[in-house]
Amino acid sequence: MSTRAILYLRKKKIPYEVVKYEHEEKGAEFAARATGYPLERTVKTLVVELHRKNYCLALLPGNRELDLKKLACLCGVKRTAMVDIKTAERLTGYLVGGISPFGTQQRLETFMESSILNNEEVLINAGQRGIMLKMASVAIVAALGCKVLSIAR
């Protein structure tokens, strides 16, 4: 079993454990239920437009929502918006419901909600529907060099 995300982590020598589940619908809530993992420890990857076709990824616990205004303020832009499915898939190279922050088609700046680090281990998408990665939350920061900020509400 290998995805671009898994290859990315292997190359960086970041430890992870593959967790498979029967994918029936997209979203962190379904993935958490299907794997038996707590929703607050199941990380979702969102693709966001910062300003004029400048994009980023936002990593949030499955039970929280992205605060677009707060992200805009922290990034020094007037507004942010969630991208459409077609744009998310084009930028990441992954299908919605299987978007991973690792090994994306285009290198995207990544912001992680700070509360994710309250959990030693989390589940995060492996780049394919029905496959998650169990890994240390600090390993995600190390693998991506992401900025850790309070971006959820």
N, C-alpha and C. Protein backbone atom coordinates (compact mmCIF):
# COMPACT_ATOMS: atom_id res chain seq x y z
N MET A 1 0.85 -1.18 0.00
CA MET A 1 0.00 0.00 0.00
C MET A 1 0.89 1.24 0.00
N SER A 2 0.70 2.07 -1.01
CA SER A 2 1.50 3.28 -1.06
C SER A 2 0.74 4.39 -1.77
N THR A 3 0.83 5.56 -1.21
CA THR A 3 0.27 6.77 -1.81
C THR A 3 1.41 7.80 -1.86
N ARG A 4 1.19 8.90 -2.54
CA ARG A 4 2.21 9.96 -2.54
C ARG A 4 2.49 10.43 -1.12
N ALA A 5 1.46 10.49 -0.29
CA ALA A 5 1.63 10.92 1.10
C ALA A 5 2.54 9.95 1.86
N ILE A 6 2.31 8.67 1.69
CA ILE A 6 3.12 7.66 2.37
C ILE A 6 4.56 7.72 1.86
N LEU A 7 4.74 7.86 0.56
CA LEU A 7 6.09 7.97 0.00
C LEU A 7 6.80 9.21 0.54
N TYR A 8 6.08 10.30 0.67
CA TYR A 8 6.62 11.55 1.22
C TYR A 8 7.14 11.32 2.64
N LEU A 9 6.32 10.66 3.47
CA LEU A 9 6.71 10.41 4.86
C LEU A 9 7.88 9.43 4.96
N ARG A 10 7.87 8.40 4.12
CA ARG A 10 8.99 7.44 4.10
C ARG A 10 10.29 8.15 3.76
N LYS A 11 10.24 9.00 2.74
CA LYS A 11 11.44 9.73 2.31
C LYS A 11 11.99 10.60 3.44
N LYS A 12 11.10 11.19 4.23
CA LYS A 12 11.52 12.05 5.35
C LYS A 12 11.76 11.25 6.63
N LYS A 13 11.55 9.93 6.57
CA LYS A 13 11.75 9.03 7.71
C LYS A 13 10.87 9.43 8.91
N ILE A 14 9.62 9.77 8.60
CA ILE A 14 8.64 10.13 9.62
C ILE A 14 7.79 8.89 9.93
N PRO A 15 7.74 8.45 11.19
CA PRO A 15 6.96 7.25 11.52
C PRO A 15 5.44 7.47 11.44
N TYR A 16 4.75 6.42 11.03
CA TYR A 16 3.29 6.44 10.91
C TYR A 16 2.80 4.99 10.92
N GLU A 17 1.50 4.85 11.13
CA GLU A 17 0.85 3.54 11.04
C GLU A 17 -0.37 3.70 10.13
N VAL A 18 -0.51 2.81 9.16
CA VAL A 18 -1.64 2.88 8.23
C VAL A 18 -2.89 2.31 8.92
N VAL A 19 -4.00 3.04 8.81
CA VAL A 19 -5.29 2.61 9.34
C VAL A 19 -6.28 2.64 8.18
N LYS A 20 -6.82 1.47 7.82
CA LYS A 20 -7.77 1.38 6.71
C LYS A 20 -9.20 1.29 7.24
N TYR A 21 -10.13 1.80 6.44
CA TYR A 21 -11.54 1.69 6.77
C TYR A 21 -12.34 1.66 5.47
N GLU A 22 -13.58 1.22 5.57
CA GLU A 22 -14.46 1.16 4.40
C GLU A 22 -15.03 2.56 4.15
N HIS A 23 -14.56 3.19 3.08
CA HIS A 23 -14.99 4.56 2.77
C HIS A 23 -16.37 4.54 2.13
N GLU A 24 -17.33 5.17 2.80
CA GLU A 24 -18.69 5.26 2.27
C GLU A 24 -19.11 6.70 2.05
N GLU A 25 -18.49 7.61 2.80
CA GLU A 25 -18.77 9.04 2.62
C GLU A 25 -17.56 9.83 3.06
N LYS A 26 -17.41 11.03 2.46
CA LYS A 26 -16.25 11.84 2.81
C LYS A 26 -16.50 12.61 4.09
N GLY A 27 -15.40 12.96 4.73
CA GLY A 27 -15.50 13.78 5.94
C GLY A 27 -14.87 13.12 7.15
N ALA A 28 -14.39 13.98 8.04
CA ALA A 28 -13.72 13.52 9.26
C ALA A 28 -14.68 12.76 10.18
N GLU A 29 -15.94 13.19 10.23
CA GLU A 29 -16.91 12.52 11.11
C GLU A 29 -17.08 11.06 10.72
N PHE A 30 -17.23 10.79 9.42
CA PHE A 30 -17.39 9.41 8.99
C PHE A 30 -16.11 8.61 9.25
N ALA A 31 -14.94 9.20 8.93
CA ALA A 31 -13.66 8.51 9.14
C ALA A 31 -13.48 8.17 10.61
N ALA A 32 -13.82 9.08 11.50
CA ALA A 32 -13.69 8.83 12.94
C ALA A 32 -14.61 7.68 13.37
N ARG A 33 -15.86 7.71 12.92
CA ARG A 33 -16.79 6.62 13.26
C ARG A 33 -16.30 5.29 12.72
N ALA A 34 -15.87 5.29 11.46
CA ALA A 34 -15.45 4.05 10.80
C ALA A 34 -14.18 3.44 11.42
N THR A 35 -13.31 4.28 11.94
CA THR A 35 -12.06 3.78 12.53
C THR A 35 -12.16 3.61 14.04
N GLY A 36 -13.23 4.16 14.64
CA GLY A 36 -13.39 4.10 16.09
C GLY A 36 -12.46 5.06 16.81
N TYR A 37 -11.96 6.05 16.08
CA TYR A 37 -11.03 7.03 16.64
C TYR A 37 -11.81 8.29 17.02
N PRO A 38 -11.45 8.97 18.12
CA PRO A 38 -12.20 10.18 18.52
C PRO A 38 -12.15 11.26 17.43
N LEU A 39 -13.27 11.92 17.20
CA LEU A 39 -13.37 12.95 16.18
C LEU A 39 -12.38 14.09 16.43
N GLU A 40 -12.19 14.46 17.69
CA GLU A 40 -11.27 15.56 18.00
C GLU A 40 -9.80 15.20 17.74
N ARG A 41 -9.54 13.91 17.53
CA ARG A 41 -8.17 13.46 17.21
C ARG A 41 -8.06 12.99 15.76
N THR A 42 -9.09 13.26 14.98
CA THR A 42 -9.10 12.95 13.55
C THR A 42 -8.93 14.28 12.82
N VAL A 43 -7.80 14.44 12.14
CA VAL A 43 -7.45 15.72 11.53
C VAL A 43 -8.00 15.81 10.11
N LYS A 44 -8.64 16.93 9.81
CA LYS A 44 -9.11 17.16 8.44
C LYS A 44 -8.20 18.18 7.77
N THR A 45 -8.04 18.01 6.46
CA THR A 45 -7.19 18.89 5.66
C THR A 45 -8.09 19.71 4.74
N LEU A 46 -8.07 21.02 4.90
CA LEU A 46 -8.90 21.91 4.09
C LEU A 46 -8.01 22.73 3.17
N VAL A 47 -8.51 23.00 1.96
CA VAL A 47 -7.78 23.82 1.00
C VAL A 47 -8.46 25.19 0.96
N VAL A 48 -7.66 26.22 1.16
CA VAL A 48 -8.19 27.58 1.34
C VAL A 48 -7.51 28.54 0.37
N GLU A 49 -8.31 29.45 -0.20
CA GLU A 49 -7.75 30.53 -1.00
C GLU A 49 -7.50 31.70 -0.06
N LEU A 50 -6.24 32.15 -0.01
CA LEU A 50 -5.89 33.27 0.87
C LEU A 50 -6.22 34.60 0.22
N HIS A 51 -5.81 34.75 -1.03
CA HIS A 51 -6.02 36.03 -1.70
C HIS A 51 -5.52 35.89 -3.13
N ARG A 52 -6.34 36.24 -4.08
CA ARG A 52 -5.94 36.27 -5.50
C ARG A 52 -5.15 35.04 -5.94
N LYS A 53 -5.77 33.91 -5.84
CA LYS A 53 -5.20 32.64 -6.30
C LYS A 53 -3.93 32.25 -5.55
N ASN A 54 -3.84 32.66 -4.31
CA ASN A 54 -2.78 32.22 -3.41
C ASN A 54 -3.46 31.25 -2.44
N TYR A 55 -2.96 30.01 -2.37
CA TYR A 55 -3.66 28.96 -1.65
C TYR A 55 -2.83 28.42 -0.50
N CYS A 56 -3.52 27.79 0.45
CA CYS A 56 -2.85 27.14 1.58
C CYS A 56 -3.69 25.96 2.04
N LEU A 57 -3.11 25.18 2.94
CA LEU A 57 -3.83 24.09 3.60
C LEU A 57 -4.06 24.47 5.05
N ALA A 58 -5.18 24.07 5.59
CA ALA A 58 -5.48 24.28 7.01
C ALA A 58 -5.80 22.92 7.61
N LEU A 59 -5.10 22.57 8.67
CA LEU A 59 -5.31 21.29 9.37
C LEU A 59 -6.08 21.58 10.65
N LEU A 60 -7.22 20.90 10.80
CA LEU A 60 -8.08 21.13 11.97
C LEU A 60 -8.56 19.83 12.56
N PRO A 61 -8.85 19.83 13.87
CA PRO A 61 -9.50 18.65 14.45
C PRO A 61 -10.86 18.47 13.78
N GLY A 62 -11.29 17.24 13.64
CA GLY A 62 -12.56 16.95 12.96
C GLY A 62 -13.78 17.59 13.58
N ASN A 63 -13.70 17.93 14.86
CA ASN A 63 -14.86 18.50 15.55
C ASN A 63 -14.86 20.03 15.57
N ARG A 64 -13.92 20.65 14.84
CA ARG A 64 -13.83 22.11 14.83
C ARG A 64 -14.00 22.64 13.41
N GLU A 65 -14.32 23.93 13.31
CA GLU A 65 -14.46 24.60 12.02
C GLU A 65 -13.36 25.64 11.86
N LEU A 66 -12.97 25.88 10.62
CA LEU A 66 -11.97 26.89 10.32
C LEU A 66 -12.58 28.27 10.49
N ASP A 67 -11.88 29.15 11.20
CA ASP A 67 -12.30 30.54 11.34
C ASP A 67 -11.61 31.31 10.21
N LEU A 68 -12.32 31.51 9.11
CA LEU A 68 -11.75 32.15 7.93
C LEU A 68 -11.27 33.57 8.21
N LYS A 69 -12.01 34.31 9.03
CA LYS A 69 -11.62 35.68 9.36
C LYS A 69 -10.32 35.71 10.16
N LYS A 70 -10.20 34.79 11.11
CA LYS A 70 -8.98 34.72 11.92
C LYS A 70 -7.78 34.35 11.05
N LEU A 71 -7.97 33.39 10.13
CA LEU A 71 -6.89 32.99 9.23
C LEU A 71 -6.47 34.17 8.35
N ALA A 72 -7.43 34.90 7.83
CA ALA A 72 -7.13 36.07 7.00
C ALA A 72 -6.30 37.08 7.79
N CYS A 73 -6.71 37.35 8.99
CA CYS A 73 -6.00 38.30 9.85
C CYS A 73 -4.57 37.84 10.12
N LEU A 74 -4.41 36.57 10.47
CA LEU A 74 -3.08 36.02 10.76
C LEU A 74 -2.17 36.01 9.53
N CYS A 75 -2.77 35.90 8.34
CA CYS A 75 -1.99 35.87 7.09
C CYS A 75 -1.82 37.25 6.48
N GLY A 76 -2.46 38.25 7.07
CA GLY A 76 -2.33 39.61 6.57
C GLY A 76 -3.04 39.86 5.25
N VAL A 77 -4.17 39.15 5.04
CA VAL A 77 -4.97 39.36 3.83
C VAL A 77 -6.36 39.80 4.24
N LYS A 78 -7.08 40.40 3.27
CA LYS A 78 -8.43 40.91 3.57
C LYS A 78 -9.45 39.81 3.80
N ARG A 79 -9.33 38.73 2.99
CA ARG A 79 -10.32 37.66 3.13
C ARG A 79 -9.74 36.33 2.70
N THR A 80 -10.37 35.28 3.18
CA THR A 80 -10.03 33.92 2.78
C THR A 80 -11.34 33.22 2.41
N ALA A 81 -11.23 32.15 1.65
CA ALA A 81 -12.43 31.40 1.27
C ALA A 81 -12.05 29.94 1.02
N MET A 82 -12.98 29.06 1.29
CA MET A 82 -12.77 27.66 0.96
C MET A 82 -12.81 27.53 -0.56
N VAL A 83 -11.96 26.66 -1.10
CA VAL A 83 -11.96 26.47 -2.56
C VAL A 83 -13.01 25.44 -2.95
N ASP A 84 -13.36 25.41 -4.23
CA ASP A 84 -14.31 24.40 -4.71
C ASP A 84 -13.59 23.05 -4.87
N ILE A 85 -14.36 22.01 -5.06
CA ILE A 85 -13.82 20.64 -5.16
C ILE A 85 -12.79 20.53 -6.28
N LYS A 86 -13.11 21.07 -7.44
CA LYS A 86 -12.21 20.98 -8.60
C LYS A 86 -10.85 21.61 -8.30
N THR A 87 -10.86 22.77 -7.67
CA THR A 87 -9.61 23.47 -7.34
C THR A 87 -8.82 22.69 -6.28
N ALA A 88 -9.51 22.19 -5.26
CA ALA A 88 -8.85 21.40 -4.21
C ALA A 88 -8.16 20.18 -4.81
N GLU A 89 -8.84 19.50 -5.71
CA GLU A 89 -8.26 18.30 -6.32
C GLU A 89 -7.11 18.64 -7.25
N ARG A 90 -7.22 19.75 -7.98
CA ARG A 90 -6.15 20.17 -8.89
C ARG A 90 -4.89 20.55 -8.12
N LEU A 91 -5.06 21.30 -7.04
CA LEU A 91 -3.91 21.77 -6.27
C LEU A 91 -3.20 20.65 -5.51
N THR A 92 -3.99 19.72 -4.99
CA THR A 92 -3.41 18.67 -4.15
C THR A 92 -3.07 17.39 -4.92
N GLY A 93 -3.80 17.14 -6.01
CA GLY A 93 -3.61 15.88 -6.72
C GLY A 93 -4.34 14.73 -6.05
N TYR A 94 -5.16 15.04 -5.05
CA TYR A 94 -5.93 14.03 -4.33
C TYR A 94 -7.42 14.29 -4.53
N LEU A 95 -8.23 13.23 -4.40
CA LEU A 95 -9.68 13.38 -4.46
C LEU A 95 -10.19 13.89 -3.12
N VAL A 96 -11.20 14.75 -3.15
CA VAL A 96 -11.82 15.21 -1.92
C VAL A 96 -12.32 13.98 -1.17
N GLY A 97 -12.08 13.96 0.12
CA GLY A 97 -12.37 12.78 0.93
C GLY A 97 -11.11 11.95 1.13
N GLY A 98 -10.06 12.32 0.41
CA GLY A 98 -8.77 11.63 0.53
C GLY A 98 -7.61 12.62 0.48
N ILE A 99 -7.88 13.88 0.76
CA ILE A 99 -6.81 14.89 0.67
C ILE A 99 -5.89 14.81 1.88
N SER A 100 -4.63 14.66 1.58
CA SER A 100 -3.58 14.62 2.60
C SER A 100 -2.71 15.87 2.45
N PRO A 101 -2.14 16.36 3.54
CA PRO A 101 -1.22 17.50 3.41
C PRO A 101 0.16 17.08 2.93
N PHE A 102 0.41 15.78 2.91
CA PHE A 102 1.73 15.26 2.52
C PHE A 102 1.76 14.90 1.04
N GLY A 103 2.79 15.34 0.34
CA GLY A 103 2.96 14.96 -1.06
C GLY A 103 1.95 15.57 -2.00
N THR A 104 1.52 16.79 -1.73
CA THR A 104 0.54 17.44 -2.60
C THR A 104 1.16 17.78 -3.95
N GLN A 105 0.30 17.89 -4.96
CA GLN A 105 0.72 18.21 -6.32
C GLN A 105 1.51 19.51 -6.36
N GLN A 106 0.98 20.53 -5.69
CA GLN A 106 1.66 21.82 -5.57
C GLN A 106 2.04 22.01 -4.11
N ARG A 107 3.20 22.55 -3.88
CA ARG A 107 3.64 22.83 -2.50
C ARG A 107 2.77 23.97 -1.97
N LEU A 108 2.07 23.71 -0.88
CA LEU A 108 1.17 24.70 -0.29
C LEU A 108 1.57 24.98 1.15
N GLU A 109 1.61 26.26 1.50
CA GLU A 109 1.87 26.61 2.89
C GLU A 109 0.78 25.97 3.74
N THR A 110 1.16 25.47 4.91
CA THR A 110 0.21 24.74 5.74
C THR A 110 0.14 25.36 7.13
N PHE A 111 -1.10 25.53 7.60
CA PHE A 111 -1.37 26.05 8.93
C PHE A 111 -2.07 24.98 9.73
N MET A 112 -1.58 24.71 10.93
CA MET A 112 -2.19 23.71 11.80
C MET A 112 -2.83 24.40 13.00
N GLU A 113 -4.06 24.00 13.30
CA GLU A 113 -4.74 24.48 14.50
C GLU A 113 -3.94 24.00 15.72
N SER A 114 -3.60 24.93 16.59
CA SER A 114 -2.72 24.63 17.73
C SER A 114 -3.25 23.54 18.66
N SER A 115 -4.56 23.40 18.80
CA SER A 115 -5.11 22.40 19.72
C SER A 115 -4.82 20.97 19.28
N ILE A 116 -4.45 20.77 18.02
CA ILE A 116 -4.09 19.42 17.56
C ILE A 116 -2.91 18.89 18.37
N LEU A 117 -2.01 19.79 18.76
CA LEU A 117 -0.82 19.38 19.52
C LEU A 117 -1.14 18.96 20.95
N ASN A 118 -2.38 19.14 21.38
CA ASN A 118 -2.80 18.64 22.71
C ASN A 118 -2.91 17.13 22.71
N ASN A 119 -2.91 16.53 21.53
CA ASN A 119 -3.01 15.07 21.38
C ASN A 119 -1.68 14.50 20.93
N GLU A 120 -1.23 13.48 21.64
CA GLU A 120 0.04 12.87 21.28
C GLU A 120 -0.04 12.25 19.89
N GLU A 121 -1.10 11.47 19.65
CA GLU A 121 -1.30 10.84 18.34
C GLU A 121 -2.62 11.27 17.73
N VAL A 122 -2.63 11.38 16.41
CA VAL A 122 -3.85 11.73 15.67
C VAL A 122 -3.94 10.88 14.42
N LEU A 123 -5.12 10.89 13.81
CA LEU A 123 -5.32 10.28 12.49
C LEU A 123 -5.37 11.41 11.47
N ILE A 124 -4.72 11.20 10.33
CA ILE A 124 -4.73 12.18 9.25
C ILE A 124 -4.78 11.43 7.93
N ASN A 125 -5.36 12.02 6.92
CA ASN A 125 -5.56 11.31 5.65
C ASN A 125 -4.24 10.93 4.98
N ALA A 126 -4.26 9.75 4.37
CA ALA A 126 -3.06 9.20 3.71
C ALA A 126 -3.04 9.47 2.22
N GLY A 127 -4.01 10.24 1.71
CA GLY A 127 -4.00 10.57 0.29
C GLY A 127 -4.86 9.65 -0.55
N GLN A 128 -5.68 8.86 0.10
CA GLN A 128 -6.61 7.98 -0.62
C GLN A 128 -7.81 7.75 0.28
N ARG A 129 -8.98 7.78 -0.30
CA ARG A 129 -10.20 7.54 0.47
C ARG A 129 -10.11 6.16 1.12
N GLY A 130 -10.42 6.11 2.41
CA GLY A 130 -10.40 4.85 3.14
C GLY A 130 -9.06 4.50 3.76
N ILE A 131 -8.11 5.40 3.69
CA ILE A 131 -6.80 5.15 4.31
C ILE A 131 -6.38 6.38 5.12
N MET A 132 -6.12 6.14 6.39
CA MET A 132 -5.67 7.19 7.30
C MET A 132 -4.29 6.80 7.83
N LEU A 133 -3.61 7.78 8.39
CA LEU A 133 -2.31 7.54 9.01
C LEU A 133 -2.41 7.92 10.48
N LYS A 134 -2.03 6.99 11.36
CA LYS A 134 -1.94 7.31 12.78
C LYS A 134 -0.50 7.74 13.01
N MET A 135 -0.33 8.95 13.53
CA MET A 135 1.02 9.47 13.74
C MET A 135 1.04 10.50 14.85
N ALA A 136 2.22 10.79 15.34
CA ALA A 136 2.38 11.81 16.37
C ALA A 136 2.04 13.18 15.77
N SER A 137 1.31 13.98 16.53
CA SER A 137 0.94 15.31 16.04
C SER A 137 2.19 16.16 15.78
N VAL A 138 3.21 16.02 16.62
CA VAL A 138 4.44 16.80 16.40
C VAL A 138 5.18 16.36 15.14
N ALA A 139 4.96 15.10 14.73
CA ALA A 139 5.59 14.59 13.50
C ALA A 139 4.99 15.27 12.27
N ILE A 140 3.72 15.65 12.35
CA ILE A 140 3.08 16.37 11.23
C ILE A 140 3.77 17.72 11.05
N VAL A 141 4.01 18.41 12.16
CA VAL A 141 4.69 19.71 12.11
C VAL A 141 6.09 19.53 11.52
N ALA A 142 6.79 18.50 11.98
CA ALA A 142 8.15 18.23 11.48
C ALA A 142 8.15 17.91 9.99
N ALA A 143 7.18 17.12 9.55
CA ALA A 143 7.13 16.69 8.15
C ALA A 143 6.79 17.84 7.21
N LEU A 144 5.95 18.76 7.66
CA LEU A 144 5.44 19.82 6.79
C LEU A 144 6.08 21.19 7.04
N GLY A 145 6.67 21.37 8.20
CA GLY A 145 7.16 22.69 8.54
C GLY A 145 6.01 23.68 8.65
N CYS A 146 4.86 23.20 9.09
CA CYS A 146 3.67 24.06 9.12
C CYS A 146 3.70 25.05 10.27
N LYS A 147 2.94 26.10 10.10
CA LYS A 147 2.78 27.11 11.14
C LYS A 147 1.65 26.65 12.05
N VAL A 148 1.90 26.69 13.35
CA VAL A 148 0.91 26.27 14.34
C VAL A 148 0.28 27.53 14.93
N LEU A 149 -1.02 27.68 14.69
CA LEU A 149 -1.76 28.87 15.09
C LEU A 149 -3.15 28.50 15.59
N SER A 150 -3.79 29.40 16.27
CA SER A 150 -5.18 29.20 16.67
C SER A 150 -6.06 29.68 15.52
N ILE A 151 -6.57 28.75 14.72
CA ILE A 151 -7.34 29.10 13.51
C ILE A 151 -8.74 28.49 13.50
N ALA A 152 -9.11 27.79 14.59
CA ALA A 152 -10.41 27.13 14.63
C ALA A 152 -11.37 27.88 15.54
N ARG A 153 -12.64 27.59 15.32
CA ARG A 153 -13.66 28.12 16.23
C ARG A 153 -14.50 26.98 16.74
